[in-house]
Amino acid sequence: VRQSGGIGRYVREMVHALADVDQINQYSLFYASKYKAARGMLTLPDNFRIRHLPVHDIWLARI
């Protein structure tokens, strides 16, 4: 989530909280940002995978 505040901050905090309490289940996080820096915004444990989808942000929000 590229927004630095609001929904972006909320999502990042929720993901970090989930990572803190669950190291067993596997999670895949998808992002549509064309900026490579978006991938580095989250440092997560090995049970999280970050995947880029080559679509516009609006289309990712719709699915």
N, C-alpha and C. Protein backbone atom coordinates (compact mmCIF):
# COMPACT_ATOMS: atom_id res chain seq x y z
N VAL A 1 0.85 -1.17 0.00
CA VAL A 1 0.00 0.00 0.00
C VAL A 1 0.89 1.22 0.00
N ARG A 2 0.83 1.99 -1.07
CA ARG A 2 1.78 3.09 -1.22
C ARG A 2 1.39 4.35 -0.45
N GLN A 3 0.15 4.47 -0.03
CA GLN A 3 -0.25 5.63 0.75
C GLN A 3 0.50 5.63 2.08
N SER A 4 1.00 6.79 2.47
CA SER A 4 1.78 6.85 3.70
C SER A 4 0.90 6.99 4.95
N GLY A 5 -0.34 7.36 4.78
CA GLY A 5 -1.25 7.51 5.91
C GLY A 5 -2.59 6.91 5.58
N GLY A 6 -3.53 7.03 6.48
CA GLY A 6 -4.88 6.54 6.22
C GLY A 6 -4.92 5.04 6.01
N ILE A 7 -5.54 4.62 4.92
CA ILE A 7 -5.72 3.19 4.65
C ILE A 7 -4.38 2.48 4.47
N GLY A 8 -3.39 3.17 3.90
CA GLY A 8 -2.07 2.57 3.73
C GLY A 8 -1.43 2.21 5.06
N ARG A 9 -1.47 3.13 5.97
CA ARG A 9 -0.90 2.88 7.30
C ARG A 9 -1.68 1.78 8.01
N TYR A 10 -2.99 1.83 7.91
CA TYR A 10 -3.84 0.81 8.55
C TYR A 10 -3.47 -0.59 8.06
N VAL A 11 -3.36 -0.75 6.75
CA VAL A 11 -3.04 -2.06 6.18
C VAL A 11 -1.66 -2.53 6.63
N ARG A 12 -0.67 -1.64 6.58
CA ARG A 12 0.68 -2.02 7.01
C ARG A 12 0.70 -2.45 8.48
N GLU A 13 0.02 -1.71 9.33
CA GLU A 13 -0.01 -2.06 10.75
C GLU A 13 -0.73 -3.39 10.98
N MET A 14 -1.82 -3.63 10.26
CA MET A 14 -2.54 -4.90 10.39
C MET A 14 -1.67 -6.08 9.94
N VAL A 15 -0.94 -5.91 8.86
CA VAL A 15 -0.07 -6.97 8.37
C VAL A 15 1.04 -7.26 9.37
N HIS A 16 1.64 -6.22 9.92
CA HIS A 16 2.69 -6.42 10.93
C HIS A 16 2.14 -7.09 12.19
N ALA A 17 0.94 -6.72 12.60
CA ALA A 17 0.32 -7.35 13.77
C ALA A 17 0.05 -8.82 13.50
N LEU A 18 -0.43 -9.14 12.32
CA LEU A 18 -0.67 -10.53 11.95
C LEU A 18 0.63 -11.32 11.95
N ALA A 19 1.69 -10.72 11.43
CA ALA A 19 3.00 -11.38 11.42
C ALA A 19 3.50 -11.65 12.83
N ASP A 20 3.18 -10.77 13.75
CA ASP A 20 3.62 -10.95 15.14
C ASP A 20 2.93 -12.12 15.84
N VAL A 21 1.68 -12.37 15.48
CA VAL A 21 0.92 -13.40 16.20
C VAL A 21 0.83 -14.73 15.47
N ASP A 22 1.19 -14.79 14.20
CA ASP A 22 1.04 -16.03 13.44
C ASP A 22 2.27 -16.29 12.58
N GLN A 23 3.07 -17.23 13.01
CA GLN A 23 4.24 -17.63 12.23
C GLN A 23 4.04 -19.00 11.58
N ILE A 24 2.84 -19.55 11.66
CA ILE A 24 2.57 -20.90 11.15
C ILE A 24 1.94 -20.87 9.76
N ASN A 25 0.85 -20.13 9.61
CA ASN A 25 0.14 -20.08 8.33
C ASN A 25 0.94 -19.32 7.29
N GLN A 26 0.65 -19.63 6.02
CA GLN A 26 1.31 -18.97 4.90
C GLN A 26 0.41 -17.86 4.36
N TYR A 27 1.00 -16.71 4.04
CA TYR A 27 0.25 -15.56 3.53
C TYR A 27 0.90 -15.05 2.26
N SER A 28 0.08 -14.64 1.31
CA SER A 28 0.55 -13.99 0.09
C SER A 28 -0.06 -12.60 0.05
N LEU A 29 0.79 -11.60 -0.10
CA LEU A 29 0.35 -10.21 -0.20
C LEU A 29 0.60 -9.75 -1.62
N PHE A 30 -0.40 -9.11 -2.21
CA PHE A 30 -0.30 -8.66 -3.59
C PHE A 30 -0.28 -7.14 -3.64
N TYR A 31 0.53 -6.60 -4.52
CA TYR A 31 0.56 -5.15 -4.73
C TYR A 31 0.64 -4.86 -6.21
N ALA A 32 0.13 -3.70 -6.60
CA ALA A 32 0.08 -3.34 -8.00
C ALA A 32 0.95 -2.14 -8.32
N SER A 33 1.62 -1.59 -7.35
CA SER A 33 2.41 -0.39 -7.57
C SER A 33 3.54 -0.65 -8.55
N LYS A 34 3.77 0.31 -9.43
CA LYS A 34 4.87 0.16 -10.38
C LYS A 34 6.20 0.55 -9.75
N TYR A 35 6.17 1.05 -8.53
CA TYR A 35 7.38 1.49 -7.85
C TYR A 35 8.00 0.33 -7.09
N LYS A 36 9.25 0.02 -7.40
CA LYS A 36 9.93 -1.09 -6.74
C LYS A 36 10.06 -0.87 -5.24
N ALA A 37 10.06 0.37 -4.81
CA ALA A 37 10.19 0.67 -3.38
C ALA A 37 9.01 0.12 -2.60
N ALA A 38 7.87 -0.08 -3.25
CA ALA A 38 6.69 -0.60 -2.56
C ALA A 38 6.97 -1.97 -1.96
N ARG A 39 7.77 -2.77 -2.63
CA ARG A 39 8.08 -4.11 -2.12
C ARG A 39 8.89 -4.04 -0.83
N GLY A 40 9.74 -3.06 -0.71
CA GLY A 40 10.59 -2.94 0.47
C GLY A 40 9.92 -2.27 1.65
N MET A 41 8.66 -1.88 1.50
CA MET A 41 7.97 -1.20 2.59
C MET A 41 7.68 -2.13 3.76
N LEU A 42 7.62 -3.41 3.49
CA LEU A 42 7.29 -4.38 4.54
C LEU A 42 8.43 -5.37 4.70
N THR A 43 8.94 -5.48 5.89
CA THR A 43 9.90 -6.53 6.21
C THR A 43 9.13 -7.55 7.03
N LEU A 44 8.95 -8.73 6.44
CA LEU A 44 8.07 -9.73 7.04
C LEU A 44 8.78 -11.06 7.21
N PRO A 45 8.25 -11.93 8.08
CA PRO A 45 8.83 -13.26 8.25
C PRO A 45 8.65 -14.13 7.01
N ASP A 46 9.26 -15.30 7.04
CA ASP A 46 9.27 -16.19 5.88
C ASP A 46 7.91 -16.76 5.51
N ASN A 47 6.94 -16.70 6.40
CA ASN A 47 5.62 -17.24 6.05
C ASN A 47 4.76 -16.23 5.28
N PHE A 48 5.35 -15.09 4.93
CA PHE A 48 4.68 -14.09 4.10
C PHE A 48 5.41 -13.99 2.76
N ARG A 49 4.63 -13.97 1.68
CA ARG A 49 5.20 -13.75 0.36
C ARG A 49 4.60 -12.48 -0.21
N ILE A 50 5.44 -11.67 -0.81
CA ILE A 50 4.98 -10.42 -1.43
C ILE A 50 5.06 -10.61 -2.93
N ARG A 51 3.94 -10.39 -3.61
CA ARG A 51 3.84 -10.63 -5.05
C ARG A 51 3.37 -9.37 -5.77
N HIS A 52 4.04 -9.07 -6.86
CA HIS A 52 3.64 -7.93 -7.69
C HIS A 52 2.67 -8.42 -8.77
N LEU A 53 1.58 -7.70 -8.94
CA LEU A 53 0.64 -7.97 -10.03
C LEU A 53 0.76 -6.83 -11.03
N PRO A 54 1.00 -7.13 -12.29
CA PRO A 54 1.18 -6.08 -13.29
C PRO A 54 -0.15 -5.48 -13.77
N VAL A 55 -0.91 -4.95 -12.83
CA VAL A 55 -2.18 -4.31 -13.15
C VAL A 55 -2.21 -2.94 -12.48
N HIS A 56 -3.13 -2.11 -12.91
CA HIS A 56 -3.30 -0.80 -12.30
C HIS A 56 -3.90 -0.96 -10.90
N ASP A 57 -3.58 -0.04 -10.01
CA ASP A 57 -4.08 -0.08 -8.63
C ASP A 57 -5.60 -0.23 -8.57
N ILE A 58 -6.30 0.43 -9.47
CA ILE A 58 -7.76 0.40 -9.47
C ILE A 58 -8.27 -1.02 -9.70
N TRP A 59 -7.65 -1.76 -10.61
CA TRP A 59 -8.08 -3.13 -10.89
C TRP A 59 -7.81 -4.05 -9.71
N LEU A 60 -6.70 -3.85 -9.04
CA LEU A 60 -6.42 -4.68 -7.86
C LEU A 60 -7.44 -4.40 -6.76
N ALA A 61 -7.84 -3.15 -6.60
CA ALA A 61 -8.85 -2.80 -5.60
C ALA A 61 -10.19 -3.45 -5.91
N ARG A 62 -10.47 -3.66 -7.18
CA ARG A 62 -11.74 -4.27 -7.56
C ARG A 62 -11.80 -5.76 -7.27
N ILE A 63 -10.66 -6.41 -7.24
CA ILE A 63 -10.68 -7.85 -6.96
C ILE A 63 -10.37 -8.03 -5.52
